[in-house]
PDB file of N, CA and C in Angstrom:
ATOM      1  N   MET A   1      -5.759  23.458   6.693  1.00  0.00           N
ATOM      2  CA  MET A   1      -5.080  22.459   7.458  1.00  0.00           C
ATOM      3  C   MET A   1      -4.393  21.892   6.071  1.00  0.00           C
ATOM      4  N   GLU A   2      -3.322  21.416   6.167  1.00  0.00           N
ATOM      5  CA  GLU A   2      -2.881  21.020   4.281  1.00  0.00           C
ATOM      6  C   GLU A   2      -2.815  19.791   4.524  1.00  0.00           C
ATOM      7  N   ASP A   3      -3.737  18.924   3.124  1.00  0.00           N
ATOM      8  CA  ASP A   3      -3.607  17.426   3.112  1.00  0.00           C
ATOM      9  C   ASP A   3      -2.105  17.338   2.765  1.00  0.00           C
ATOM     10  N   GLN A   4      -2.824  15.799   3.472  1.00  0.00           N
ATOM     11  CA  GLN A   4      -0.835  15.540   3.348  1.00  0.00           C
ATOM     12  C   GLN A   4      -0.779  13.798   2.576  1.00  0.00           C
ATOM     13  N   LYS A   5      -0.270  13.886   2.464  1.00  0.00           N
ATOM     14  CA  LYS A   5       0.083  12.171   1.314  1.00  0.00           C
ATOM     15  C   LYS A   5       0.258  10.907   2.158  1.00  0.00           C
ATOM     16  N   ILE A   6       0.029  10.134   2.830  1.00  0.00           N
ATOM     17  CA  ILE A   6       0.858   8.011   2.114  1.00  0.00           C
ATOM     18  C   ILE A   6       1.332   8.542   1.749  1.00  0.00           C
ATOM     19  N   PRO A   7       3.393   8.133   2.396  1.00  0.00           N
ATOM     20  CA  PRO A   7       3.692   6.960   1.822  1.00  0.00           C
ATOM     21  C   PRO A   7       3.402   5.975   1.523  1.00  0.00           C
ATOM     22  N   THR A   8       3.643   5.509   0.732  1.00  0.00           N
ATOM     23  CA  THR A   8       3.568   4.368  -0.441  1.00  0.00           C
ATOM     24  C   THR A   8       4.166   3.208   0.215  1.00  0.00           C
ATOM     25  N   PRO A   9       3.643   2.550   1.209  1.00  0.00           N
ATOM     26  CA  PRO A   9       5.235   1.996   2.078  1.00  0.00           C
ATOM     27  C   PRO A   9       4.944   0.286   0.863  1.00  0.00           C
ATOM     28  N   ALA A  10       7.071  -0.475   1.219  1.00  0.00           N
ATOM     29  CA  ALA A  10       7.403  -1.128   0.135  1.00  0.00           C
ATOM     30  C   ALA A  10       6.819  -2.594   0.638  1.00  0.00           C
ATOM     31  N   LEU A  11       7.258  -2.281   2.233  1.00  0.00           N
ATOM     32  CA  LEU A  11       6.472  -3.634   2.114  1.00  0.00           C
ATOM     33  C   LEU A  11       5.782  -3.444   3.378  1.00  0.00           C
ATOM     34  N   VAL A  12       4.476  -4.559   4.084  1.00  0.00           N
ATOM     35  CA  VAL A  12       4.066  -4.333   5.457  1.00  0.00           C
ATOM     36  C   VAL A  12       3.843  -5.977   5.343  1.00  0.00           C
ATOM     37  N   SER A  13       4.182  -5.943   6.990  1.00  0.00           N
ATOM     38  CA  SER A  13       4.892  -7.213   7.519  1.00  0.00           C
ATOM     39  C   SER A  13       3.286  -7.199   9.087  1.00  0.00           C
ATOM     40  N   PHE A  14       2.847  -7.856   8.656  1.00  0.00           N
ATOM     41  CA  PHE A  14       0.676  -7.184   9.644  1.00  0.00           C
ATOM     42  C   PHE A  14       1.000  -8.930  10.287  1.00  0.00           C
ATOM     43  N   GLY A  15       0.989  -9.768  11.580  1.00  0.00           N
ATOM     44  CA  GLY A  15       0.756 -10.875  11.877  1.00  0.00           C
ATOM     45  C   GLY A  15      -0.331 -10.550  12.550  1.00  0.00           C
ATOM     46  N   ILE A  16      -1.302 -11.342  11.764  1.00  0.00           N
ATOM     47  CA  ILE A  16      -2.488 -12.367  12.407  1.00  0.00           C
ATOM     48  C   ILE A  16      -3.179 -12.127  13.348  1.00  0.00           C
ATOM     49  N   THR A  17      -2.300 -12.549  14.269  1.00  0.00           N
ATOM     50  CA  THR A  17      -2.412 -13.640  15.559  1.00  0.00           C
ATOM     51  C   THR A  17      -1.835 -14.214  16.494  1.00  0.00           C
ATOM     52  N   ARG A  18      -1.779 -14.220  17.902  1.00  0.00           N
ATOM     53  CA  ARG A  18      -0.150 -15.110  17.772  1.00  0.00           C
ATOM     54  C   ARG A  18      -0.889 -16.029  18.371  1.00  0.00           C
ATOM     55  N   GLN A  19      -1.701 -16.020  18.448  1.00  0.00           N
ATOM     56  CA  GLN A  19      -2.481 -17.676  18.512  1.00  0.00           C
ATOM     57  C   GLN A  19      -2.113 -18.616  18.052  1.00  0.00           C
ATOM     58  N   CYS A  20      -0.864 -19.731  18.531  1.00  0.00           N
ATOM     59  CA  CYS A  20      -0.594 -20.482  18.297  1.00  0.00           C
ATOM     60  C   CYS A  20       0.207 -21.788  18.953  1.00  0.00           C
ATOM     61  N   ASP A  21      -0.090 -23.284  18.896  1.00  0.00           N
ATOM     62  CA  ASP A  21       0.061 -23.998  19.524  1.00  0.00           C
ATOM     63  C   ASP A  21       1.004 -25.223  19.678  1.00  0.00           C
ATOM     64  N   LEU A  22       1.711 -24.599  18.266  1.00  0.00           N
ATOM     65  CA  LEU A  22       3.265 -25.456  18.008  1.00  0.00           C
ATOM     66  C   LEU A  22       4.046 -25.777  18.559  1.00  0.00           C
ATOM     67  N   LYS A  23       3.919 -24.307  18.727  1.00  0.00           N
ATOM     68  CA  LYS A  23       6.744 -24.303  19.509  1.00  0.00           C
ATOM     69  C   LYS A  23       7.208 -23.931  18.240  1.00  0.00           C
ATOM     70  N   CYS A  24       6.886 -23.844  17.363  1.00  0.00           N
ATOM     71  CA  CYS A  24       8.790 -24.867  16.091  1.00  0.00           C
ATOM     72  C   CYS A  24       9.424 -24.194  16.366  1.00  0.00           C
ATOM     73  N   LYS A  25      10.530 -24.368  16.432  1.00  0.00           N
ATOM     74  CA  LYS A  25      11.871 -24.328  17.344  1.00  0.00           C
ATOM     75  C   LYS A  25      12.705 -23.561  16.855  1.00  0.00           C
ATOM     76  N   HIS A  26      12.105 -22.910  14.655  1.00  0.00           N
ATOM     77  CA  HIS A  26      13.040 -22.768  13.559  1.00  0.00           C
ATOM     78  C   HIS A  26      11.905 -20.613  13.488  1.00  0.00           C
ATOM     79  N   CYS A  27      11.215 -20.867  14.582  1.00  0.00           N
ATOM     80  CA  CYS A  27       9.846 -19.301  14.538  1.00  0.00           C
ATOM     81  C   CYS A  27      10.197 -18.643  15.407  1.00  0.00           C
ATOM     82  N   TYR A  28      10.452 -16.940  14.960  1.00  0.00           N
ATOM     83  CA  TYR A  28      10.757 -16.674  15.208  1.00  0.00           C
ATOM     84  C   TYR A  28       9.587 -15.573  16.362  1.00  0.00           C
ATOM     85  N   SER A  29       9.160 -15.699  16.353  1.00  0.00           N
ATOM     86  CA  SER A  29       7.410 -15.367  16.424  1.00  0.00           C
ATOM     87  C   SER A  29       7.416 -16.274  17.825  1.00  0.00           C
ATOM     88  N   ASP A  30       6.267 -14.552  18.489  1.00  0.00           N
ATOM     89  CA  ASP A  30       6.985 -14.616  19.865  1.00  0.00           C
ATOM     90  C   ASP A  30       5.145 -14.565  20.863  1.00  0.00           C
ATOM     91  N   ALA A  31       4.296 -15.864  20.197  1.00  0.00           N
ATOM     92  CA  ALA A  31       3.241 -17.140  19.698  1.00  0.00           C
ATOM     93  C   ALA A  31       3.115 -17.428  21.247  1.00  0.00           C
ATOM     94  N   GLY A  32       1.674 -17.416  20.835  1.00  0.00           N
ATOM     95  CA  GLY A  32       1.688 -18.315  22.527  1.00  0.00           C
ATOM     96  C   GLY A  32      -0.495 -18.212  22.112  1.00  0.00           C
ATOM     97  N   GLU A  33      -0.611 -17.853  22.950  1.00  0.00           N
ATOM     98  CA  GLU A  33      -2.452 -17.855  22.874  1.00  0.00           C
ATOM     99  C   GLU A  33      -3.102 -15.930  22.209  1.00  0.00           C
ATOM    100  N   ARG A  34      -3.847 -16.330  22.554  1.00  0.00           N
ATOM    101  CA  ARG A  34      -4.784 -15.128  21.155  1.00  0.00           C
ATOM    102  C   ARG A  34      -5.585 -14.253  22.212  1.00  0.00           C
ATOM    103  N   GLU A  35      -4.597 -12.901  22.102  1.00  0.00           N
ATOM    104  CA  GLU A  35      -5.065 -12.100  22.840  1.00  0.00           C
ATOM    105  C   GLU A  35      -6.527 -10.815  22.280  1.00  0.00           C
ATOM    106  N   ALA A  36      -6.326 -10.514  23.968  1.00  0.00           N
ATOM    107  CA  ALA A  36      -8.158  -9.966  23.874  1.00  0.00           C
ATOM    108  C   ALA A  36      -8.461  -9.599  23.191  1.00  0.00           C
ATOM    109  N   ASP A  37      -7.521  -8.220  22.007  1.00  0.00           N
ATOM    110  CA  ASP A  37      -7.206  -6.926  21.317  1.00  0.00           C
ATOM    111  C   ASP A  37      -7.030  -8.025  20.156  1.00  0.00           C
ATOM    112  N   GLU A  38      -6.888  -8.742  19.621  1.00  0.00           N
ATOM    113  CA  GLU A  38      -6.649  -8.366  18.027  1.00  0.00           C
ATOM    114  C   GLU A  38      -8.272  -8.221  17.253  1.00  0.00           C
ATOM    115  N   LEU A  39      -8.034  -8.215  15.538  1.00  0.00           N
ATOM    116  CA  LEU A  39      -8.377  -8.081  15.193  1.00  0.00           C
ATOM    117  C   LEU A  39      -9.878  -8.697  15.085  1.00  0.00           C
ATOM    118  N   SER A  40     -10.584  -8.762  14.458  1.00  0.00           N
ATOM    119  CA  SER A  40     -11.604  -9.971  13.677  1.00  0.00           C
ATOM    120  C   SER A  40     -10.941  -9.471  12.649  1.00  0.00           C
ATOM    121  N   THR A  41     -11.658 -11.473  11.550  1.00  0.00           N
ATOM    122  CA  THR A  41     -11.631 -11.322  10.210  1.00  0.00           C
ATOM    123  C   THR A  41     -12.013 -10.391   9.761  1.00  0.00           C
ATOM    124  N   GLU A  42     -13.005 -10.061   9.461  1.00  0.00           N
ATOM    125  CA  GLU A  42     -13.304  -8.771   8.622  1.00  0.00           C
ATOM    126  C   GLU A  42     -12.737  -7.935   9.181  1.00  0.00           C
ATOM    127  N   GLU A  43     -12.333  -7.334   9.752  1.00  0.00           N
ATOM    128  CA  GLU A  43     -11.259  -6.061  10.816  1.00  0.00           C
ATOM    129  C   GLU A  43     -10.127  -6.049  10.038  1.00  0.00           C
ATOM    130  N   ALA A  44      -9.078  -7.391   9.617  1.00  0.00           N
ATOM    131  CA  ALA A  44      -8.010  -7.972   8.879  1.00  0.00           C
ATOM    132  C   ALA A  44      -8.042  -7.753   7.818  1.00  0.00           C
ATOM    133  N   LYS A  45      -9.084  -8.700   7.287  1.00  0.00           N
ATOM    134  CA  LYS A  45      -9.267  -8.042   5.890  1.00  0.00           C
ATOM    135  C   LYS A  45      -9.462  -7.074   5.134  1.00  0.00           C
ATOM    136  N   ARG A  46     -10.068  -5.631   6.290  1.00  0.00           N
ATOM    137  CA  ARG A  46     -10.299  -4.194   5.880  1.00  0.00           C
ATOM    138  C   ARG A  46      -8.329  -3.620   6.311  1.00  0.00           C
ATOM    139  N   VAL A  47      -7.343  -4.134   6.806  1.00  0.00           N
ATOM    140  CA  VAL A  47      -6.711  -3.814   6.986  1.00  0.00           C
ATOM    141  C   VAL A  47      -5.805  -4.148   6.038  1.00  0.00           C
ATOM    142  N   ILE A  48      -5.644  -5.182   5.260  1.00  0.00           N
ATOM    143  CA  ILE A  48      -5.260  -6.199   4.032  1.00  0.00           C
ATOM    144  C   ILE A  48      -5.730  -5.204   3.138  1.00  0.00           C
ATOM    145  N   SER A  49      -6.835  -5.325   3.099  1.00  0.00           N
ATOM    146  CA  SER A  49      -7.632  -4.428   1.497  1.00  0.00           C
ATOM    147  C   SER A  49      -6.938  -2.826   1.765  1.00  0.00           C
ATOM    148  N   ASP A  50      -6.220  -2.232   2.317  1.00  0.00           N
ATOM    149  CA  ASP A  50      -6.715  -0.773   3.149  1.00  0.00           C
ATOM    150  C   ASP A  50      -5.238  -0.486   2.490  1.00  0.00           C
ATOM    151  N   VAL A  51      -3.846  -1.202   2.857  1.00  0.00           N
ATOM    152  CA  VAL A  51      -2.795  -1.871   2.489  1.00  0.00           C
ATOM    153  C   VAL A  51      -2.464  -2.407   0.680  1.00  0.00           C
ATOM    154  N   ALA A  52      -2.835  -2.853  -0.037  1.00  0.00           N
ATOM    155  CA  ALA A  52      -3.622  -2.600  -1.264  1.00  0.00           C
ATOM    156  C   ALA A  52      -3.500  -1.772  -0.961  1.00  0.00           C
ATOM    157  N   GLU A  53      -4.194  -0.763  -1.621  1.00  0.00           N
ATOM    158  CA  GLU A  53      -5.292   0.318  -1.706  1.00  0.00           C
ATOM    159  C   GLU A  53      -3.945   1.071  -2.380  1.00  0.00           C
ATOM    160  N   LEU A  54      -2.587   1.523  -1.048  1.00  0.00           N
ATOM    161  CA  LEU A  54      -2.040   2.557  -0.738  1.00  0.00           C
ATOM    162  C   LEU A  54      -0.789   1.743  -1.940  1.00  0.00           C
ATOM    163  N   GLY A  55      -1.059   0.646  -2.943  1.00  0.00           N
ATOM    164  CA  GLY A  55      -0.426   0.814  -3.029  1.00  0.00           C
ATOM    165  C   GLY A  55       1.534  -0.385  -2.748  1.00  0.00           C
ATOM    166  N   ALA A  56       0.992  -1.196  -1.774  1.00  0.00           N
ATOM    167  CA  ALA A  56       2.043  -1.803  -1.375  1.00  0.00           C
ATOM    168  C   ALA A  56       2.337  -3.102  -2.627  1.00  0.00           C
ATOM    169  N   ARG A  57       4.201  -3.763  -1.893  1.00  0.00           N
ATOM    170  CA  ARG A  57       4.115  -3.700  -3.116  1.00  0.00           C
ATOM    171  C   ARG A  57       4.478  -5.618  -2.367  1.00  0.00           C
ATOM    172  N   LEU A  58       4.374  -5.462  -1.050  1.00  0.00           N
ATOM    173  CA  LEU A  58       4.654  -6.585  -0.601  1.00  0.00           C
ATOM    174  C   LEU A  58       4.032  -6.551   0.554  1.00  0.00           C
ATOM    175  N   ILE A  59       3.000  -7.541   1.038  1.00  0.00           N
ATOM    176  CA  ILE A  59       2.601  -7.541   2.115  1.00  0.00           C
ATOM    177  C   ILE A  59       3.194  -9.708   2.196  1.00  0.00           C
ATOM    178  N   ILE A  60       3.705  -9.340   3.807  1.00  0.00           N
ATOM    179  CA  ILE A  60       3.866 -10.349   4.533  1.00  0.00           C
ATOM    180  C   ILE A  60       2.939 -10.833   5.949  1.00  0.00           C
ATOM    181  N   LEU A  61       2.243 -11.986   5.328  1.00  0.00           N
ATOM    182  CA  LEU A  61       1.183 -12.276   7.327  1.00  0.00           C
ATOM    183  C   LEU A  61       1.651 -13.397   7.559  1.00  0.00           C
ATOM    184  N   ASP A  62       1.764 -13.558   8.932  1.00  0.00           N
ATOM    185  CA  ASP A  62       2.267 -14.393   9.612  1.00  0.00           C
ATOM    186  C   ASP A  62       1.480 -14.169  10.864  1.00  0.00           C
ATOM    187  N   GLY A  63       1.596 -15.723  11.492  1.00  0.00           N
ATOM    188  CA  GLY A  63       0.255 -15.852  12.598  1.00  0.00           C
ATOM    189  C   GLY A  63      -0.506 -16.641  12.892  1.00  0.00           C
ATOM    190  N   GLY A  64      -0.398 -17.713  13.448  1.00  0.00           N
ATOM    191  CA  GLY A  64      -1.497 -17.841  13.776  1.00  0.00           C
ATOM    192  C   GLY A  64      -0.955 -20.094  13.108  1.00  0.00           C
TER     193      GLY A  64
END
């Protein structure tokens, strides 16, 4: 099997959590209660580090 290079993402949008009780009219997020399978803080930090190592030029964080 050949080694395959992962392409460098230009932009990554990461919805950290669905949990939010503000209900802002301008918000497009489908927020509400926290999902049972959401990543822990440490897992989310690892994802962000991995994305940065891939060379992403822009990481958008939302949620919460």
